[in-house]
Structure formats: structure tokens, C-alpha cells
């Protein structure tokens, strides 16, 4: 029989979903996955905030709706940022001819 888990997030954290929480301490924002800190950035560093939110959305850890609701960010902006980030990473993996580049083996 599985045992219930204790709450992983403290009361002073903003809970995005069951996996991700955010905590601001002084001028630094910490992102937690479970009870482990996975990312941090300065409060005024909008580029780092945008990048990490896009990564969470694109890998499926959080949805743009969850992030926008928890952090009070515009849902359309988050979705647009994630699409742009996904598009730029796809462009980097293709060659000039538009075909996916073949990766050379590491050995």
C-alpha cells in the first residue's frame, strides 16, 4: 500500500503545480522541483524568467495556464514565448538545406 507524501512545499512558496514551486528570498527568485532547487535568477532578470518558464512549458513540467495563474503573468505572452523558444531550438537543429542535421558519434 503506497504511503501518502507529506507536503513538499513550505507555506511561503508560490505553488505552480504539484511539481514546481517558486520562492523569492531577498532579490533572488528560486525555482523548486519537489524539495530541490533547480534554478535561480535575480528578480529583475526578465530574460532568465522567460527562458525558464519556456523550458517548463516545452518539456511538459508545467502548462502556461498554471504558470500564468500562479505568477499572474499574461497567458498569451507565455504561450507566445514558448512557441518562439521551441521554434528557435528547432531552427538550430536543422542545416541550411532545411533537413535535420546528422549528429556525429562521440567516439
PDB file of N, CA and C in Angstrom:
ATOM      1  N   UNK A   1       0.844  -1.181   0.000  1.00  0.00           N
ATOM      2  CA  UNK A   1       0.000   0.000   0.000  1.00  0.00           C
ATOM      3  C   UNK A   1       0.889   1.244   0.000  1.00  0.00           C
ATOM      4  N   UNK A   2       0.688   2.165  -0.962  1.00  0.00           N
ATOM      5  CA  UNK A   2       1.542   3.351  -1.012  1.00  0.00           C
ATOM      6  C   UNK A   2       1.253   4.288   0.160  1.00  0.00           C
ATOM      7  N   UNK A   3       2.306   4.889   0.654  1.00  0.00           N
ATOM      8  CA  UNK A   3       2.185   5.841   1.746  1.00  0.00           C
ATOM      9  C   UNK A   3       1.954   7.233   1.184  1.00  0.00           C
ATOM     10  N   UNK A   4       1.102   8.025   1.819  1.00  0.00           N
ATOM     11  CA  UNK A   4       0.915   9.393   1.343  1.00  0.00           C
ATOM     12  C   UNK A   4       2.152  10.235   1.599  1.00  0.00           C
ATOM     13  N   UNK A   5       2.432  11.140   0.677  1.00  0.00           N
ATOM     14  CA  UNK A   5       3.584  12.030   0.829  1.00  0.00           C
ATOM     15  C   UNK A   5       3.201  13.257   1.639  1.00  0.00           C
ATOM     16  N   UNK A   6       4.122  13.723   2.420  1.00  0.00           N
ATOM     17  CA  UNK A   6       3.917  14.979   3.126  1.00  0.00           C
ATOM     18  C   UNK A   6       4.000  16.118   2.128  1.00  0.00           C
ATOM     19  N   UNK A   7       3.423  17.250   2.429  1.00  0.00           N
ATOM     20  CA  UNK A   7       3.581  18.388   1.510  1.00  0.00           C
ATOM     21  C   UNK A   7       5.058  18.746   1.364  1.00  0.00           C
ATOM     22  N   UNK A   8       5.491  18.907   0.131  1.00  0.00           N
ATOM     23  CA  UNK A   8       6.899  19.179  -0.128  1.00  0.00           C
ATOM     24  C   UNK A   8       7.225  20.664  -0.076  1.00  0.00           C
ATOM     25  N   UNK A   9       6.236  21.506  -0.237  1.00  0.00           N
ATOM     26  CA  UNK A   9       6.475  22.934  -0.324  1.00  0.00           C
ATOM     27  C   UNK A   9       6.073  23.624   0.974  1.00  0.00           C
ATOM     28  N   UNK A  10       6.879  24.596   1.385  1.00  0.00           N
ATOM     29  CA  UNK A  10       6.570  25.346   2.599  1.00  0.00           C
ATOM     30  C   UNK A  10       5.488  26.388   2.307  1.00  0.00           C
ATOM     31  N   UNK A  11       4.994  27.008   3.346  1.00  0.00           N
ATOM     32  CA  UNK A  11       3.895  27.964   3.215  1.00  0.00           C
ATOM     33  C   UNK A  11       4.290  29.254   2.517  1.00  0.00           C
ATOM     34  N   UNK A  12       5.566  29.598   2.534  1.00  0.00           N
ATOM     35  CA  UNK A  12       5.987  30.860   1.939  1.00  0.00           C
ATOM     36  C   UNK A  12       6.318  30.736   0.446  1.00  0.00           C
ATOM     37  N   UNK A  13       6.056  29.587  -0.149  1.00  0.00           N
ATOM     38  CA  UNK A  13       6.313  29.382  -1.579  1.00  0.00           C
ATOM     39  C   UNK A  13       5.035  29.585  -2.387  1.00  0.00           C
ATOM     40  N   UNK A  14       5.212  29.990  -3.632  1.00  0.00           N
ATOM     41  CA  UNK A  14       4.103  30.063  -4.575  1.00  0.00           C
ATOM     42  C   UNK A  14       4.094  28.747  -5.328  1.00  0.00           C
ATOM     43  N   UNK A  15       3.017  27.997  -5.206  1.00  0.00           N
ATOM     44  CA  UNK A  15       2.930  26.684  -5.831  1.00  0.00           C
ATOM     45  C   UNK A  15       2.356  26.829  -7.235  1.00  0.00           C
ATOM     46  N   UNK A  16       3.124  26.388  -8.234  1.00  0.00           N
ATOM     47  CA  UNK A  16       2.679  26.434  -9.621  1.00  0.00           C
ATOM     48  C   UNK A  16       1.833  25.203  -9.923  1.00  0.00           C
ATOM     49  N   UNK A  17       2.335  24.038  -9.616  1.00  0.00           N
ATOM     50  CA  UNK A  17       1.577  22.789  -9.717  1.00  0.00           C
ATOM     51  C   UNK A  17       2.152  21.817  -8.695  1.00  0.00           C
ATOM     52  N   UNK A  18       1.818  20.554  -8.806  1.00  0.00           N
ATOM     53  CA  UNK A  18       2.267  19.594  -7.801  1.00  0.00           C
ATOM     54  C   UNK A  18       3.768  19.349  -7.831  1.00  0.00           C
ATOM     55  N   UNK A  19       4.445  19.783  -8.890  1.00  0.00           N
ATOM     56  CA  UNK A  19       5.880  19.557  -9.027  1.00  0.00           C
ATOM     57  C   UNK A  19       6.733  20.805  -8.825  1.00  0.00           C
ATOM     58  N   UNK A  20       6.232  21.964  -9.215  1.00  0.00           N
ATOM     59  CA  UNK A  20       7.018  23.199  -9.282  1.00  0.00           C
ATOM     60  C   UNK A  20       6.498  24.232  -8.285  1.00  0.00           C
ATOM     61  N   UNK A  21       7.434  24.880  -7.595  1.00  0.00           N
ATOM     62  CA  UNK A  21       7.106  25.990  -6.702  1.00  0.00           C
ATOM     63  C   UNK A  21       8.179  27.065  -6.850  1.00  0.00           C
ATOM     64  N   UNK A  22       7.818  28.282  -6.465  1.00  0.00           N
ATOM     65  CA  UNK A  22       8.708  29.437  -6.600  1.00  0.00           C
ATOM     66  C   UNK A  22       8.786  30.134  -5.242  1.00  0.00           C
ATOM     67  N   UNK A  23       9.999  30.576  -4.912  1.00  0.00           N
ATOM     68  CA  UNK A  23      10.187  31.306  -3.663  1.00  0.00           C
ATOM     69  C   UNK A  23      11.133  32.474  -3.915  1.00  0.00           C
ATOM     70  N   UNK A  24      10.759  33.649  -3.419  1.00  0.00           N
ATOM     71  CA  UNK A  24      11.632  34.815  -3.533  1.00  0.00           C
ATOM     72  C   UNK A  24      12.244  35.083  -2.171  1.00  0.00           C
ATOM     73  N   UNK A  25      13.565  35.152  -2.154  1.00  0.00           N
ATOM     74  CA  UNK A  25      14.287  35.458  -0.928  1.00  0.00           C
ATOM     75  C   UNK A  25      15.225  36.609  -1.239  1.00  0.00           C
ATOM     76  N   UNK A  26      14.970  37.740  -0.615  1.00  0.00           N
ATOM     77  CA  UNK A  26      15.667  38.994  -0.885  1.00  0.00           C
ATOM     78  C   UNK A  26      15.497  39.343  -2.365  1.00  0.00           C
ATOM     79  N   UNK A  27      16.586  39.424  -3.131  1.00  0.00           N
ATOM     80  CA  UNK A  27      16.472  39.806  -4.539  1.00  0.00           C
ATOM     81  C   UNK A  27      16.660  38.629  -5.492  1.00  0.00           C
ATOM     82  N   UNK A  28      16.531  37.414  -4.982  1.00  0.00           N
ATOM     83  CA  UNK A  28      16.744  36.229  -5.803  1.00  0.00           C
ATOM     84  C   UNK A  28      15.477  35.379  -5.803  1.00  0.00           C
ATOM     85  N   UNK A  29      15.108  34.880  -6.985  1.00  0.00           N
ATOM     86  CA  UNK A  29      13.954  34.001  -7.139  1.00  0.00           C
ATOM     87  C   UNK A  29      14.476  32.584  -7.314  1.00  0.00           C
ATOM     88  N   UNK A  30      13.970  31.668  -6.490  1.00  0.00           N
ATOM     89  CA  UNK A  30      14.377  30.267  -6.544  1.00  0.00           C
ATOM     90  C   UNK A  30      13.208  29.436  -7.062  1.00  0.00           C
ATOM     91  N   UNK A  31      13.499  28.525  -7.984  1.00  0.00           N
ATOM     92  CA  UNK A  31      12.512  27.590  -8.530  1.00  0.00           C
ATOM     93  C   UNK A  31      12.821  26.207  -7.951  1.00  0.00           C
ATOM     94  N   UNK A  32      11.799  25.543  -7.445  1.00  0.00           N
ATOM     95  CA  UNK A  32      11.960  24.232  -6.822  1.00  0.00           C
ATOM     96  C   UNK A  32      11.168  23.185  -7.590  1.00  0.00           C
ATOM     97  N   UNK A  33      11.764  22.025  -7.757  1.00  0.00           N
ATOM     98  CA  UNK A  33      11.078  20.844  -8.268  1.00  0.00           C
ATOM     99  C   UNK A  33      11.078  19.857  -7.115  1.00  0.00           C
ATOM    100  N   UNK A  34       9.909  19.655  -6.528  1.00  0.00           N
ATOM    101  CA  UNK A  34       9.856  18.895  -5.287  1.00  0.00           C
ATOM    102  C   UNK A  34      10.503  19.727  -4.197  1.00  0.00           C
ATOM    103  N   UNK A  35      11.463  19.172  -3.506  1.00  0.00           N
ATOM    104  CA  UNK A  35      12.150  19.959  -2.478  1.00  0.00           C
ATOM    105  C   UNK A  35      13.550  20.368  -2.915  1.00  0.00           C
ATOM    106  N   UNK A  36      13.875  20.182  -4.185  1.00  0.00           N
ATOM    107  CA  UNK A  36      15.204  20.525  -4.685  1.00  0.00           C
ATOM    108  C   UNK A  36      15.179  21.814  -5.501  1.00  0.00           C
ATOM    109  N   UNK A  37      16.071  22.750  -5.216  1.00  0.00           N
ATOM    110  CA  UNK A  37      16.153  23.952  -6.061  1.00  0.00           C
ATOM    111  C   UNK A  37      16.766  23.595  -7.412  1.00  0.00           C
ATOM    112  N   UNK A  38      16.116  24.012  -8.489  1.00  0.00           N
ATOM    113  CA  UNK A  38      16.600  23.669  -9.826  1.00  0.00           C
ATOM    114  C   UNK A  38      17.064  24.882 -10.623  1.00  0.00           C
ATOM    115  N   UNK A  39      16.662  26.080 -10.227  1.00  0.00           N
ATOM    116  CA  UNK A  39      17.037  27.276 -10.980  1.00  0.00           C
ATOM    117  C   UNK A  39      16.891  28.480 -10.071  1.00  0.00           C
ATOM    118  N   UNK A  40      17.709  29.496 -10.342  1.00  0.00           N
ATOM    119  CA  UNK A  40      17.575  30.761  -9.621  1.00  0.00           C
ATOM    120  C   UNK A  40      17.941  31.893 -10.559  1.00  0.00           C
ATOM    121  N   UNK A  41      17.349  33.048 -10.303  1.00  0.00           N
ATOM    122  CA  UNK A  41      17.668  34.243 -11.075  1.00  0.00           C
ATOM    123  C   UNK A  41      17.332  35.465 -10.244  1.00  0.00           C
ATOM    124  N   UNK A  42      17.891  36.579 -10.637  1.00  0.00           N
ATOM    125  CA  UNK A  42      17.637  37.844  -9.955  1.00  0.00           C
ATOM    126  C   UNK A  42      16.205  38.286 -10.267  1.00  0.00           C
ATOM    127  N   UNK A  43      15.601  39.012  -9.362  1.00  0.00           N
ATOM    128  CA  UNK A  43      14.221  39.455  -9.534  1.00  0.00           C
ATOM    129  C   UNK A  43      14.043  40.258 -10.818  1.00  0.00           C
ATOM    130  N   UNK A  44      15.006  41.094 -11.154  1.00  0.00           N
ATOM    131  CA  UNK A  44      14.872  41.954 -12.327  1.00  0.00           C
ATOM    132  C   UNK A  44      15.338  41.293 -13.626  1.00  0.00           C
ATOM    133  N   UNK A  45      15.796  40.050 -13.584  1.00  0.00           N
ATOM    134  CA  UNK A  45      16.283  39.358 -14.782  1.00  0.00           C
ATOM    135  C   UNK A  45      15.113  38.718 -15.526  1.00  0.00           C
ATOM    136  N   UNK A  46      14.467  39.498 -16.369  1.00  0.00           N
ATOM    137  CA  UNK A  46      13.297  39.027 -17.106  1.00  0.00           C
ATOM    138  C   UNK A  46      13.645  37.969 -18.147  1.00  0.00           C
ATOM    139  N   UNK A  47      14.827  38.050 -18.714  1.00  0.00           N
ATOM    140  CA  UNK A  47      15.243  37.078 -19.733  1.00  0.00           C
ATOM    141  C   UNK A  47      15.385  35.678 -19.127  1.00  0.00           C
ATOM    142  N   UNK A  48      15.964  35.578 -17.939  1.00  0.00           N
ATOM    143  CA  UNK A  48      16.103  34.277 -17.275  1.00  0.00           C
ATOM    144  C   UNK A  48      14.730  33.729 -16.873  1.00  0.00           C
ATOM    145  N   UNK A  49      13.850  34.606 -16.400  1.00  0.00           N
ATOM    146  CA  UNK A  49      12.487  34.194 -16.060  1.00  0.00           C
ATOM    147  C   UNK A  49      11.781  33.637 -17.288  1.00  0.00           C
ATOM    148  N   UNK A  50      11.883  34.356 -18.373  1.00  0.00           N
ATOM    149  CA  UNK A  50      11.240  33.941 -19.614  1.00  0.00           C
ATOM    150  C   UNK A  50      11.799  32.603 -20.102  1.00  0.00           C
ATOM    151  N   UNK A  51      13.111  32.453 -20.078  1.00  0.00           N
ATOM    152  CA  UNK A  51      13.747  31.230 -20.534  1.00  0.00           C
ATOM    153  C   UNK A  51      13.310  30.028 -19.705  1.00  0.00           C
ATOM    154  N   UNK A  52      13.297  30.164 -18.384  1.00  0.00           N
ATOM    155  CA  UNK A  52      12.945  29.023 -17.548  1.00  0.00           C
ATOM    156  C   UNK A  52      11.467  28.668 -17.679  1.00  0.00           C
ATOM    157  N   UNK A  53      10.604  29.678 -17.772  1.00  0.00           N
ATOM    158  CA  UNK A  53       9.178  29.398 -17.986  1.00  0.00           C
ATOM    159  C   UNK A  53       8.968  28.654 -19.300  1.00  0.00           C
ATOM    160  N   UNK A  54       9.663  29.075 -20.352  1.00  0.00           N
ATOM    161  CA  UNK A  54       9.556  28.397 -21.650  1.00  0.00           C
ATOM    162  C   UNK A  54      10.038  26.957 -21.560  1.00  0.00           C
ATOM    163  N   UNK A  55      11.113  26.728 -20.837  1.00  0.00           N
ATOM    164  CA  UNK A  55      11.613  25.370 -20.668  1.00  0.00           C
ATOM    165  C   UNK A  55      10.605  24.500 -19.931  1.00  0.00           C
ATOM    166  N   UNK A  56       9.991  25.029 -18.881  1.00  0.00           N
ATOM    167  CA  UNK A  56       8.981  24.271 -18.148  1.00  0.00           C
ATOM    168  C   UNK A  56       7.805  23.900 -19.041  1.00  0.00           C
ATOM    169  N   UNK A  57       7.376  24.842 -19.865  1.00  0.00           N
ATOM    170  CA  UNK A  57       6.237  24.597 -20.751  1.00  0.00           C
ATOM    171  C   UNK A  57       6.613  23.604 -21.845  1.00  0.00           C
ATOM    172  N   UNK A  58       7.772  23.801 -22.465  1.00  0.00           N
ATOM    173  CA  UNK A  58       8.149  22.972 -23.614  1.00  0.00           C
ATOM    174  C   UNK A  58       8.486  21.527 -23.238  1.00  0.00           C
ATOM    175  N   UNK A  59       8.976  21.291 -22.031  1.00  0.00           N
ATOM    176  CA  UNK A  59       9.250  19.906 -21.646  1.00  0.00           C
ATOM    177  C   UNK A  59       8.054  19.264 -20.953  1.00  0.00           C
ATOM    178  N   UNK A  60       7.020  20.039 -20.679  1.00  0.00           N
ATOM    179  CA  UNK A  60       5.789  19.491 -20.146  1.00  0.00           C
ATOM    180  C   UNK A  60       5.702  19.409 -18.637  1.00  0.00           C
ATOM    181  N   UNK A  61       6.586  20.065 -17.921  1.00  0.00           N
ATOM    182  CA  UNK A  61       6.544  20.038 -16.464  1.00  0.00           C
ATOM    183  C   UNK A  61       5.427  20.920 -15.921  1.00  0.00           C
ATOM    184  N   UNK A  62       5.142  22.010 -16.608  1.00  0.00           N
ATOM    185  CA  UNK A  62       4.064  22.914 -16.220  1.00  0.00           C
ATOM    186  C   UNK A  62       3.408  23.449 -17.487  1.00  0.00           C
ATOM    187  N   UNK A  63       2.171  23.838 -17.371  1.00  0.00           N
ATOM    188  CA  UNK A  63       1.480  24.437 -18.517  1.00  0.00           C
ATOM    189  C   UNK A  63       1.525  25.953 -18.385  1.00  0.00           C
ATOM    190  N   UNK A  64       1.299  26.616 -19.493  1.00  0.00           N
ATOM    191  CA  UNK A  64       1.300  28.079 -19.460  1.00  0.00           C
ATOM    192  C   UNK A  64       0.147  28.586 -18.603  1.00  0.00           C
ATOM    193  N   UNK A  65      -0.957  27.862 -18.557  1.00  0.00           N
ATOM    194  CA  UNK A  65      -2.087  28.265 -17.717  1.00  0.00           C
ATOM    195  C   UNK A  65      -1.725  28.191 -16.232  1.00  0.00           C
ATOM    196  N   UNK A  66      -1.003  27.150 -15.834  1.00  0.00           N
ATOM    197  CA  UNK A  66      -0.599  27.016 -14.431  1.00  0.00           C
ATOM    198  C   UNK A  66       0.362  28.127 -14.030  1.00  0.00           C
ATOM    199  N   UNK A  67       1.326  28.409 -14.891  1.00  0.00           N
ATOM    200  CA  UNK A  67       2.306  29.459 -14.581  1.00  0.00           C
ATOM    201  C   UNK A  67       1.636  30.819 -14.539  1.00  0.00           C
ATOM    202  N   UNK A  68       0.767  31.100 -15.503  1.00  0.00           N
ATOM    203  CA  UNK A  68       0.118  32.408 -15.546  1.00  0.00           C
ATOM    204  C   UNK A  68      -0.801  32.606 -14.345  1.00  0.00           C
ATOM    205  N   UNK A  69      -1.470  31.558 -13.919  1.00  0.00           N
ATOM    206  CA  UNK A  69      -2.363  31.671 -12.767  1.00  0.00           C
ATOM    207  C   UNK A  69      -1.573  31.877 -11.475  1.00  0.00           C
ATOM    208  N   UNK A  70      -0.494  31.120 -11.297  1.00  0.00           N
ATOM    209  CA  UNK A  70       0.278  31.206 -10.059  1.00  0.00           C
ATOM    210  C   UNK A  70       1.071  32.505  -9.956  1.00  0.00           C
ATOM    211  N   UNK A  71       1.679  32.932 -11.067  1.00  0.00           N
ATOM    212  CA  UNK A  71       2.570  34.090 -11.025  1.00  0.00           C
ATOM    213  C   UNK A  71       1.949  35.359 -11.593  1.00  0.00           C
ATOM    214  N   UNK A  72       0.693  35.267 -11.997  1.00  0.00           N
ATOM    215  CA  UNK A  72      -0.059  36.411 -12.530  1.00  0.00           C
ATOM    216  C   UNK A  72       0.654  37.049 -13.723  1.00  0.00           C
ATOM    217  N   UNK A  73       1.004  36.184 -14.684  1.00  0.00           N
ATOM    218  CA  UNK A  73       1.627  36.600 -15.940  1.00  0.00           C
ATOM    219  C   UNK A  73       0.615  36.345 -17.045  1.00  0.00           C
ATOM    220  N   UNK A  74       0.629  37.164 -18.070  1.00  0.00           N
ATOM    221  CA  UNK A  74      -0.312  37.028 -19.174  1.00  0.00           C
ATOM    222  C   UNK A  74      -0.143  35.663 -19.859  1.00  0.00           C
ATOM    223  N   UNK A  75      -1.228  34.917 -19.964  1.00  0.00           N
ATOM    224  CA  UNK A  75      -1.212  33.569 -20.540  1.00  0.00           C
ATOM    225  C   UNK A  75      -0.788  33.593 -22.004  1.00  0.00           C
ATOM    226  N   UNK A  76      -1.272  34.558 -22.775  1.00  0.00           N
ATOM    227  CA  UNK A  76      -0.923  34.642 -24.197  1.00  0.00           C
ATOM    228  C   UNK A  76       0.565  34.903 -24.397  1.00  0.00           C
ATOM    229  N   UNK A  77       1.135  35.759 -23.542  1.00  0.00           N
ATOM    230  CA  UNK A  77       2.567  36.038 -23.637  1.00  0.00           C
ATOM    231  C   UNK A  77       3.387  34.780 -23.371  1.00  0.00           C
ATOM    232  N   UNK A  78       3.014  34.044 -22.337  1.00  0.00           N
ATOM    233  CA  UNK A  78       3.735  32.807 -22.026  1.00  0.00           C
ATOM    234  C   UNK A  78       3.666  31.816 -23.183  1.00  0.00           C
ATOM    235  N   UNK A  79       2.487  31.663 -23.752  1.00  0.00           N
ATOM    236  CA  UNK A  79       2.328  30.732 -24.873  1.00  0.00           C
ATOM    237  C   UNK A  79       3.159  31.179 -26.072  1.00  0.00           C
ATOM    238  N   UNK A  80       3.161  32.477 -26.339  1.00  0.00           N
ATOM    239  CA  UNK A  80       3.938  33.007 -27.462  1.00  0.00           C
ATOM    240  C   UNK A  80       5.436  32.815 -27.225  1.00  0.00           C
ATOM    241  N   UNK A  81       5.901  33.090 -26.001  1.00  0.00           N
ATOM    242  CA  UNK A  81       7.313  32.887 -25.676  1.00  0.00           C
ATOM    243  C   UNK A  81       7.709  31.435 -25.875  1.00  0.00           C
ATOM    244  N   UNK A  82       6.860  30.517 -25.420  1.00  0.00           N
ATOM    245  CA  UNK A  82       7.170  29.089 -25.539  1.00  0.00           C
ATOM    246  C   UNK A  82       7.229  28.666 -27.006  1.00  0.00           C
ATOM    247  N   UNK A  83       6.302  29.160 -27.826  1.00  0.00           N
ATOM    248  CA  UNK A  83       6.331  28.846 -29.269  1.00  0.00           C
ATOM    249  C   UNK A  83       7.585  29.395 -29.916  1.00  0.00           C
ATOM    250  N   UNK A  84       7.965  30.621 -29.559  1.00  0.00           N
ATOM    251  CA  UNK A  84       9.162  31.226 -30.134  1.00  0.00           C
ATOM    252  C   UNK A  84      10.405  30.451 -29.717  1.00  0.00           C
ATOM    253  N   UNK A  85      10.478  30.061 -28.452  1.00  0.00           N
ATOM    254  CA  UNK A  85      11.626  29.301 -27.955  1.00  0.00           C
ATOM    255  C   UNK A  85      11.693  27.932 -28.623  1.00  0.00           C
ATOM    256  N   UNK A  86      10.559  27.297 -28.775  1.00  0.00           N
ATOM    257  CA  UNK A  86      10.509  25.998 -29.438  1.00  0.00           C
ATOM    258  C   UNK A  86      10.936  26.132 -30.895  1.00  0.00           C
ATOM    259  N   UNK A  87      10.498  27.201 -31.554  1.00  0.00           N
ATOM    260  CA  UNK A  87      10.876  27.450 -32.945  1.00  0.00           C
ATOM    261  C   UNK A  87      12.352  27.717 -33.109  1.00  0.00           C
ATOM    262  N   UNK A  88      12.948  28.467 -32.182  1.00  0.00           N
ATOM    263  CA  UNK A  88      14.376  28.766 -32.298  1.00  0.00           C
ATOM    264  C   UNK A  88      15.216  27.525 -32.052  1.00  0.00           C
ATOM    265  N   UNK A  89      14.783  26.648 -31.173  1.00  0.00           N
ATOM    266  CA  UNK A  89      15.553  25.426 -30.939  1.00  0.00           C
ATOM    267  C   UNK A  89      15.426  24.473 -32.121  1.00  0.00           C
ATOM    268  N   UNK A  90      14.291  24.474 -32.811  1.00  0.00           N
ATOM    269  CA  UNK A  90      14.136  23.634 -34.000  1.00  0.00           C
ATOM    270  C   UNK A  90      14.987  24.157 -35.144  1.00  0.00           C
ATOM    271  N   UNK A  91      15.111  25.473 -35.257  1.00  0.00           N
ATOM    272  CA  UNK A  91      15.936  26.054 -36.322  1.00  0.00           C
ATOM    273  C   UNK A  91      17.406  25.732 -36.117  1.00  0.00           C
ATOM    274  N   UNK A  92      17.833  25.690 -34.856  1.00  0.00           N
ATOM    275  CA  UNK A  92      19.232  25.387 -34.566  1.00  0.00           C
ATOM    276  C   UNK A  92      19.584  23.951 -34.928  1.00  0.00           C
ATOM    277  N   UNK A  93      18.609  23.047 -34.886  1.00  0.00           N
ATOM    278  CA  UNK A  93      18.895  21.642 -35.145  1.00  0.00           C
ATOM    279  C   UNK A  93      18.784  21.283 -36.629  1.00  0.00           C
ATOM    280  N   UNK A  94      18.435  22.255 -37.476  1.00  0.00           N
ATOM    281  CA  UNK A  94      18.365  21.980 -38.911  1.00  0.00           C
ATOM    282  C   UNK A  94      19.536  22.645 -39.622  1.00  0.00           C
ATOM    283  N   UNK A  95      19.913  22.086 -40.760  1.00  0.00           N
ATOM    284  CA  UNK A  95      21.005  22.660 -41.535  1.00  0.00           C
ATOM    285  C   UNK A  95      20.462  23.714 -42.492  1.00  0.00           C
ATOM    286  N   UNK A  96      21.317  24.263 -43.337  1.00  0.00           N
ATOM    287  CA  UNK A  96      20.895  25.296 -44.276  1.00  0.00           C
ATOM    288  C   UNK A  96      19.878  24.775 -45.281  1.00  0.00           C
ATOM    289  N   UNK A  97      19.979  23.508 -45.632  1.00  0.00           N
ATOM    290  CA  UNK A  97      19.062  22.954 -46.620  1.00  0.00           C
ATOM    291  C   UNK A  97      17.683  22.691 -46.042  1.00  0.00           C
ATOM    292  N   UNK A  98      17.526  22.857 -44.722  1.00  0.00           N
ATOM    293  CA  UNK A  98      16.240  22.637 -44.097  1.00  0.00           C
ATOM    294  C   UNK A  98      16.065  21.220 -43.591  1.00  0.00           C
ATOM    295  N   UNK A  99      17.055  20.367 -43.852  1.00  0.00           N
ATOM    296  CA  UNK A  99      16.989  18.994 -43.382  1.00  0.00           C
ATOM    297  C   UNK A  99      17.632  18.916 -41.999  1.00  0.00           C
ATOM    298  N   UNK A 100      17.133  18.018 -41.156  1.00  0.00           N
ATOM    299  CA  UNK A 100      17.766  17.884 -39.842  1.00  0.00           C
ATOM    300  C   UNK A 100      19.220  17.466 -39.980  1.00  0.00           C
ATOM    301  N   UNK A 101      20.040  18.073 -39.151  1.00  0.00           N
ATOM    302  CA  UNK A 101      21.471  17.760 -39.219  1.00  0.00           C
ATOM    303  C   UNK A 101      21.738  16.423 -38.565  1.00  0.00           C
ATOM    304  N   UNK A 102      22.705  15.687 -39.123  1.00  0.00           N
ATOM    305  CA  UNK A 102      23.071  14.395 -38.557  1.00  0.00           C
ATOM    306  C   UNK A 102      24.170  14.633 -37.538  1.00  0.00           C
ATOM    307  N   UNK A 103      23.956  14.088 -36.375  1.00  0.00           N
ATOM    308  CA  UNK A 103      24.945  14.250 -35.320  1.00  0.00           C
ATOM    309  C   UNK A 103      26.024  13.196 -35.484  1.00  0.00           C
ATOM    310  N   UNK A 104      27.269  13.613 -35.314  1.00  0.00           N
ATOM    311  CA  UNK A 104      28.384  12.678 -35.389  1.00  0.00           C
ATOM    312  C   UNK A 104      28.489  11.927 -34.069  1.00  0.00           C
ATOM    313  N   UNK A 105      28.886  10.662 -34.120  1.00  0.00           N
ATOM    314  CA  UNK A 105      29.041   9.937 -32.856  1.00  0.00           C
ATOM    315  C   UNK A 105      30.172  10.531 -32.025  1.00  0.00           C
ATOM    316  N   UNK A 106      30.042  10.408 -30.736  1.00  0.00           N
ATOM    317  CA  UNK A 106      31.017  10.997 -29.824  1.00  0.00           C
ATOM    318  C   UNK A 106      32.320  10.221 -29.782  1.00  0.00           C
ATOM    319  N   UNK A 107      32.354   8.995 -30.223  1.00  0.00           N
ATOM    320  CA  UNK A 107      33.572   8.176 -30.168  1.00  0.00           C
ATOM    321  C   UNK A 107      34.345   8.188 -31.444  1.00  0.00           C
TER     322      UNK A 107
END
